[in-house]
Amino acid sequence: GDDMDIYFVRPNPTAVFCYRPSGGSVCNNSTPLSHVKIEVSNGQSGTNRRTRLITIWTTGQISSQ
């Protein structure tokens, strides 16, 4: 699958997104991103499934919903 690395070069608070398409080893930054959303779940299905979205902005702000 595709990979997304998110890192911060301190002391700069800006997030850097490194998108690598399926098996690639080089970052593809041809489309600038303002934020990424990560969905996490409890791994269950049906009515027992619980999910949260974590949003990371290039400004360094991180929030969850």
PDB file of N, CA and C in Angstrom:
ATOM      1  N   GLY A   1       0.798  -1.179   0.000  1.00  0.00           N
ATOM      2  CA  GLY A   1       0.000   0.000   0.000  1.00  0.00           C
ATOM      3  C   GLY A   1       0.852   1.259   0.000  1.00  0.00           C
ATOM      4  N   ASP A   2       0.182   2.353  -0.013  1.00  0.00           N
ATOM      5  CA  ASP A   2       0.842   3.652   0.020  1.00  0.00           C
ATOM      6  C   ASP A   2       1.300   3.978   1.437  1.00  0.00           C
ATOM      7  N   ASP A   3       2.340   4.794   1.551  1.00  0.00           N
ATOM      8  CA  ASP A   3       2.875   5.196   2.852  1.00  0.00           C
ATOM      9  C   ASP A   3       2.862   6.707   2.980  1.00  0.00           C
ATOM     10  N   MET A   4       2.657   7.178   4.205  1.00  0.00           N
ATOM     11  CA  MET A   4       2.716   8.610   4.500  1.00  0.00           C
ATOM     12  C   MET A   4       3.549   8.772   5.760  1.00  0.00           C
ATOM     13  N   ASP A   5       4.661   9.462   5.636  1.00  0.00           N
ATOM     14  CA  ASP A   5       5.468   9.823   6.805  1.00  0.00           C
ATOM     15  C   ASP A   5       5.143  11.259   7.157  1.00  0.00           C
ATOM     16  N   ILE A   6       5.032  11.521   8.438  1.00  0.00           N
ATOM     17  CA  ILE A   6       4.808  12.876   8.929  1.00  0.00           C
ATOM     18  C   ILE A   6       5.908  13.140   9.944  1.00  0.00           C
ATOM     19  N   TYR A   7       6.660  14.209   9.721  1.00  0.00           N
ATOM     20  CA  TYR A   7       7.727  14.496  10.678  1.00  0.00           C
ATOM     21  C   TYR A   7       7.847  15.992  10.903  1.00  0.00           C
ATOM     22  N   PHE A   8       8.481  16.322  12.006  1.00  0.00           N
ATOM     23  CA  PHE A   8       8.701  17.702  12.413  1.00  0.00           C
ATOM     24  C   PHE A   8      10.195  17.890  12.587  1.00  0.00           C
ATOM     25  N   VAL A   9      10.746  18.937  11.972  1.00  0.00           N
ATOM     26  CA  VAL A   9      12.157  19.252  12.120  1.00  0.00           C
ATOM     27  C   VAL A   9      12.241  20.384  13.148  1.00  0.00           C
ATOM     28  N   ARG A  10      12.601  20.048  14.342  1.00  0.00           N
ATOM     29  CA  ARG A  10      12.652  21.026  15.437  1.00  0.00           C
ATOM     30  C   ARG A  10      13.802  21.990  15.244  1.00  0.00           C
ATOM     31  N   PRO A  11      13.644  23.233  15.630  1.00  0.00           N
ATOM     32  CA  PRO A  11      12.569  23.814  16.418  1.00  0.00           C
ATOM     33  C   PRO A  11      11.380  24.280  15.585  1.00  0.00           C
ATOM     34  N   ASN A  12      11.368  24.076  14.280  1.00  0.00           N
ATOM     35  CA  ASN A  12      10.275  24.504  13.418  1.00  0.00           C
ATOM     36  C   ASN A  12       9.024  23.664  13.716  1.00  0.00           C
ATOM     37  N   PRO A  13       7.875  24.286  14.018  1.00  0.00           N
ATOM     38  CA  PRO A  13       6.663  23.527  14.348  1.00  0.00           C
ATOM     39  C   PRO A  13       5.899  23.007  13.128  1.00  0.00           C
ATOM     40  N   THR A  14       6.352  23.329  11.924  1.00  0.00           N
ATOM     41  CA  THR A  14       5.648  22.928  10.708  1.00  0.00           C
ATOM     42  C   THR A  14       5.799  21.431  10.465  1.00  0.00           C
ATOM     43  N   ALA A  15       4.675  20.776  10.135  1.00  0.00           N
ATOM     44  CA  ALA A  15       4.707  19.351   9.804  1.00  0.00           C
ATOM     45  C   ALA A  15       5.129  19.174   8.353  1.00  0.00           C
ATOM     46  N   VAL A  16       5.922  18.150   8.086  1.00  0.00           N
ATOM     47  CA  VAL A  16       6.350  17.819   6.730  1.00  0.00           C
ATOM     48  C   VAL A  16       5.703  16.487   6.374  1.00  0.00           C
ATOM     49  N   PHE A  17       4.983  16.454   5.250  1.00  0.00           N
ATOM     50  CA  PHE A  17       4.329  15.224   4.796  1.00  0.00           C
ATOM     51  C   PHE A  17       5.142  14.606   3.671  1.00  0.00           C
ATOM     52  N   CYS A  18       5.434  13.339   3.798  1.00  0.00           N
ATOM     53  CA  CYS A  18       6.181  12.611   2.778  1.00  0.00           C
ATOM     54  C   CYS A  18       5.308  11.450   2.305  1.00  0.00           C
ATOM     55  N   TYR A  19       4.707  11.601   1.128  1.00  0.00           N
ATOM     56  CA  TYR A  19       3.835  10.570   0.556  1.00  0.00           C
ATOM     57  C   TYR A  19       4.641   9.720  -0.404  1.00  0.00           C
ATOM     58  N   ARG A  20       4.599   8.413  -0.174  1.00  0.00           N
ATOM     59  CA  ARG A  20       5.306   7.477  -1.053  1.00  0.00           C
ATOM     60  C   ARG A  20       4.299   6.479  -1.619  1.00  0.00           C
ATOM     61  N   PRO A  21       4.005   6.581  -2.913  1.00  0.00           N
ATOM     62  CA  PRO A  21       3.051   5.658  -3.518  1.00  0.00           C
ATOM     63  C   PRO A  21       3.572   4.224  -3.496  1.00  0.00           C
ATOM     64  N   SER A  22       2.665   3.326  -3.374  1.00  0.00           N
ATOM     65  CA  SER A  22       2.859   1.877  -3.370  1.00  0.00           C
ATOM     66  C   SER A  22       4.287   1.381  -3.612  1.00  0.00           C
ATOM     67  N   GLY A  23       4.986   1.131  -2.536  1.00  0.00           N
ATOM     68  CA  GLY A  23       6.312   0.545  -2.607  1.00  0.00           C
ATOM     69  C   GLY A  23       7.427   1.494  -2.988  1.00  0.00           C
ATOM     70  N   GLY A  24       7.130   2.760  -3.212  1.00  0.00           N
ATOM     71  CA  GLY A  24       8.159   3.721  -3.595  1.00  0.00           C
ATOM     72  C   GLY A  24       9.037   4.109  -2.421  1.00  0.00           C
ATOM     73  N   SER A  25      10.226   4.590  -2.712  1.00  0.00           N
ATOM     74  CA  SER A  25      11.127   5.012  -1.649  1.00  0.00           C
ATOM     75  C   SER A  25      11.388   6.519  -1.675  1.00  0.00           C
ATOM     76  N   VAL A  26      10.831   7.218  -2.666  1.00  0.00           N
ATOM     77  CA  VAL A  26      11.049   8.651  -2.822  1.00  0.00           C
ATOM     78  C   VAL A  26       9.745   9.390  -2.525  1.00  0.00           C
ATOM     79  N   CYS A  27       9.859  10.496  -1.774  1.00  0.00           N
ATOM     80  CA  CYS A  27       8.681  11.308  -1.457  1.00  0.00           C
ATOM     81  C   CYS A  27       8.088  11.896  -2.726  1.00  0.00           C
ATOM     82  N   ASN A  28       6.757  11.871  -2.798  1.00  0.00           N
ATOM     83  CA  ASN A  28       6.052  12.530  -3.889  1.00  0.00           C
ATOM     84  C   ASN A  28       5.357  13.745  -3.302  1.00  0.00           C
ATOM     85  N   ASN A  29       5.949  14.906  -3.461  1.00  0.00           N
ATOM     86  CA  ASN A  29       5.383  16.140  -2.933  1.00  0.00           C
ATOM     87  C   ASN A  29       4.878  17.028  -4.058  1.00  0.00           C
ATOM     88  N   SER A  30       4.502  16.413  -5.199  1.00  0.00           N
ATOM     89  CA  SER A  30       4.069  17.204  -6.352  1.00  0.00           C
ATOM     90  C   SER A  30       2.728  17.897  -6.089  1.00  0.00           C
ATOM     91  N   THR A  31       1.899  17.332  -5.211  1.00  0.00           N
ATOM     92  CA  THR A  31       0.643  17.969  -4.834  1.00  0.00           C
ATOM     93  C   THR A  31       0.768  18.434  -3.393  1.00  0.00           C
ATOM     94  N   PRO A  32       0.860  19.751  -3.177  1.00  0.00           N
ATOM     95  CA  PRO A  32       1.002  20.240  -1.807  1.00  0.00           C
ATOM     96  C   PRO A  32      -0.231  19.882  -0.971  1.00  0.00           C
ATOM     97  N   LEU A  33       0.001  19.430   0.231  1.00  0.00           N
ATOM     98  CA  LEU A  33      -1.081  19.061   1.148  1.00  0.00           C
ATOM     99  C   LEU A  33      -1.167  20.082   2.268  1.00  0.00           C
ATOM    100  N   SER A  34      -2.386  20.451   2.651  1.00  0.00           N
ATOM    101  CA  SER A  34      -2.561  21.351   3.792  1.00  0.00           C
ATOM    102  C   SER A  34      -2.733  20.560   5.077  1.00  0.00           C
ATOM    103  N   HIS A  35      -3.240  19.315   4.951  1.00  0.00           N
ATOM    104  CA  HIS A  35      -3.456  18.471   6.117  1.00  0.00           C
ATOM    105  C   HIS A  35      -3.659  17.020   5.672  1.00  0.00           C
ATOM    106  N   VAL A  36      -3.524  16.115   6.616  1.00  0.00           N
ATOM    107  CA  VAL A  36      -3.850  14.705   6.397  1.00  0.00           C
ATOM    108  C   VAL A  36      -4.779  14.267   7.512  1.00  0.00           C
ATOM    109  N   LYS A  37      -5.618  13.276   7.206  1.00  0.00           N
ATOM    110  CA  LYS A  37      -6.514  12.703   8.203  1.00  0.00           C
ATOM    111  C   LYS A  37      -6.192  11.225   8.339  1.00  0.00           C
ATOM    112  N   ILE A  38      -6.083  10.790   9.576  1.00  0.00           N
ATOM    113  CA  ILE A  38      -5.779   9.399   9.889  1.00  0.00           C
ATOM    114  C   ILE A  38      -6.974   8.833  10.640  1.00  0.00           C
ATOM    115  N   GLU A  39      -7.520   7.734  10.153  1.00  0.00           N
ATOM    116  CA  GLU A  39      -8.621   7.095  10.859  1.00  0.00           C
ATOM    117  C   GLU A  39      -8.077   5.929  11.668  1.00  0.00           C
ATOM    118  N   VAL A  40      -8.397   5.913  12.949  1.00  0.00           N
ATOM    119  CA  VAL A  40      -8.016   4.801  13.814  1.00  0.00           C
ATOM    120  C   VAL A  40      -9.300   4.134  14.297  1.00  0.00           C
ATOM    121  N   SER A  41      -9.236   2.830  14.504  1.00  0.00           N
ATOM    122  CA  SER A  41     -10.420   2.115  14.957  1.00  0.00           C
ATOM    123  C   SER A  41     -10.039   1.088  16.011  1.00  0.00           C
ATOM    124  N   ASN A  42     -11.066   0.536  16.644  1.00  0.00           N
ATOM    125  CA  ASN A  42     -10.836  -0.501  17.641  1.00  0.00           C
ATOM    126  C   ASN A  42     -10.702  -1.884  17.001  1.00  0.00           C
ATOM    127  N   GLY A  43     -10.785  -1.964  15.673  1.00  0.00           N
ATOM    128  CA  GLY A  43     -10.582  -3.217  14.962  1.00  0.00           C
ATOM    129  C   GLY A  43     -11.811  -4.110  14.913  1.00  0.00           C
ATOM    130  N   GLN A  44     -12.912  -3.661  15.464  1.00  0.00           N
ATOM    131  CA  GLN A  44     -14.118  -4.468  15.446  1.00  0.00           C
ATOM    132  C   GLN A  44     -15.008  -4.036  14.286  1.00  0.00           C
ATOM    133  N   SER A  45     -16.095  -4.773  14.069  1.00  0.00           N
ATOM    134  CA  SER A  45     -16.992  -4.447  12.967  1.00  0.00           C
ATOM    135  C   SER A  45     -18.416  -4.295  13.475  1.00  0.00           C
ATOM    136  N   GLY A  46     -19.278  -3.842  12.579  1.00  0.00           N
ATOM    137  CA  GLY A  46     -20.686  -3.683  12.923  1.00  0.00           C
ATOM    138  C   GLY A  46     -20.907  -2.622  13.975  1.00  0.00           C
ATOM    139  N   THR A  47     -21.863  -2.868  14.863  1.00  0.00           N
ATOM    140  CA  THR A  47     -22.218  -1.881  15.882  1.00  0.00           C
ATOM    141  C   THR A  47     -21.148  -1.731  16.960  1.00  0.00           C
ATOM    142  N   ASN A  48     -20.200  -2.663  17.025  1.00  0.00           N
ATOM    143  CA  ASN A  48     -19.110  -2.577  18.006  1.00  0.00           C
ATOM    144  C   ASN A  48     -17.936  -1.737  17.513  1.00  0.00           C
ATOM    145  N   ARG A  49     -17.950  -1.365  16.237  1.00  0.00           N
ATOM    146  CA  ARG A  49     -16.837  -0.604  15.654  1.00  0.00           C
ATOM    147  C   ARG A  49     -16.838   0.832  16.188  1.00  0.00           C
ATOM    148  N   ARG A  50     -15.673   1.288  16.607  1.00  0.00           N
ATOM    149  CA  ARG A  50     -15.484   2.660  17.069  1.00  0.00           C
ATOM    150  C   ARG A  50     -14.304   3.243  16.300  1.00  0.00           C
ATOM    151  N   THR A  51     -14.490   4.449  15.772  1.00  0.00           N
ATOM    152  CA  THR A  51     -13.418   5.097  15.017  1.00  0.00           C
ATOM    153  C   THR A  51     -13.223   6.527  15.500  1.00  0.00           C
ATOM    154  N   ARG A  52     -12.041   7.057  15.257  1.00  0.00           N
ATOM    155  CA  ARG A  52     -11.701   8.459  15.514  1.00  0.00           C
ATOM    156  C   ARG A  52     -10.882   8.933  14.324  1.00  0.00           C
ATOM    157  N   LEU A  53     -11.036  10.203  13.996  1.00  0.00           N
ATOM    158  CA  LEU A  53     -10.213  10.822  12.967  1.00  0.00           C
ATOM    159  C   LEU A  53      -9.205  11.746  13.629  1.00  0.00           C
ATOM    160  N   ILE A  54      -7.961  11.602  13.248  1.00  0.00           N
ATOM    161  CA  ILE A  54      -6.897  12.483  13.721  1.00  0.00           C
ATOM    162  C   ILE A  54      -6.475  13.321  12.516  1.00  0.00           C
ATOM    163  N   THR A  55      -6.543  14.643  12.648  1.00  0.00           N
ATOM    164  CA  THR A  55      -6.151  15.547  11.571  1.00  0.00           C
ATOM    165  C   THR A  55      -4.851  16.237  11.959  1.00  0.00           C
ATOM    166  N   ILE A  56      -3.885  16.193  11.052  1.00  0.00           N
ATOM    167  CA  ILE A  56      -2.603  16.855  11.258  1.00  0.00           C
ATOM    168  C   ILE A  56      -2.443  17.891  10.147  1.00  0.00           C
ATOM    169  N   TRP A  57      -2.290  19.156  10.532  1.00  0.00           N
ATOM    170  CA  TRP A  57      -2.135  20.260   9.592  1.00  0.00           C
ATOM    171  C   TRP A  57      -0.656  20.584   9.416  1.00  0.00           C
ATOM    172  N   THR A  58      -0.303  21.167   8.265  1.00  0.00           N
ATOM    173  CA  THR A  58       1.095  21.543   8.029  1.00  0.00           C
ATOM    174  C   THR A  58       1.566  22.569   9.044  1.00  0.00           C
ATOM    175  N   THR A  59       0.633  23.286   9.674  1.00  0.00           N
ATOM    176  CA  THR A  59       1.001  24.278  10.687  1.00  0.00           C
ATOM    177  C   THR A  59       1.488  23.611  11.972  1.00  0.00           C
ATOM    178  N   GLY A  60       1.290  22.291  12.082  1.00  0.00           N
ATOM    179  CA  GLY A  60       1.685  21.573  13.291  1.00  0.00           C
ATOM    180  C   GLY A  60       0.523  21.281  14.215  1.00  0.00           C
ATOM    181  N   GLN A  61      -0.644  21.853  13.920  1.00  0.00           N
ATOM    182  CA  GLN A  61      -1.820  21.596  14.744  1.00  0.00           C
ATOM    183  C   GLN A  61      -2.293  20.167  14.539  1.00  0.00           C
ATOM    184  N   ILE A  62      -2.634  19.491  15.653  1.00  0.00           N
ATOM    185  CA  ILE A  62      -3.152  18.127  15.630  1.00  0.00           C
ATOM    186  C   ILE A  62      -4.466  18.116  16.376  1.00  0.00           C
ATOM    187  N   SER A  63      -5.518  17.566  15.773  1.00  0.00           N
ATOM    188  CA  SER A  63      -6.812  17.493  16.444  1.00  0.00           C
ATOM    189  C   SER A  63      -7.434  16.126  16.195  1.00  0.00           C
ATOM    190  N   SER A  64      -8.406  15.758  17.027  1.00  0.00           N
ATOM    191  CA  SER A  64      -9.121  14.496  16.838  1.00  0.00           C
ATOM    192  C   SER A  64     -10.612  14.741  16.913  1.00  0.00           C
ATOM    193  N   GLN A  65     -11.361  13.910  16.214  1.00  0.00           N
ATOM    194  CA  GLN A  65     -12.819  13.991  16.187  1.00  0.00           C
ATOM    195  C   GLN A  65     -13.400  12.621  16.408  1.00  0.00           C
TER     196      GLN A  65
END
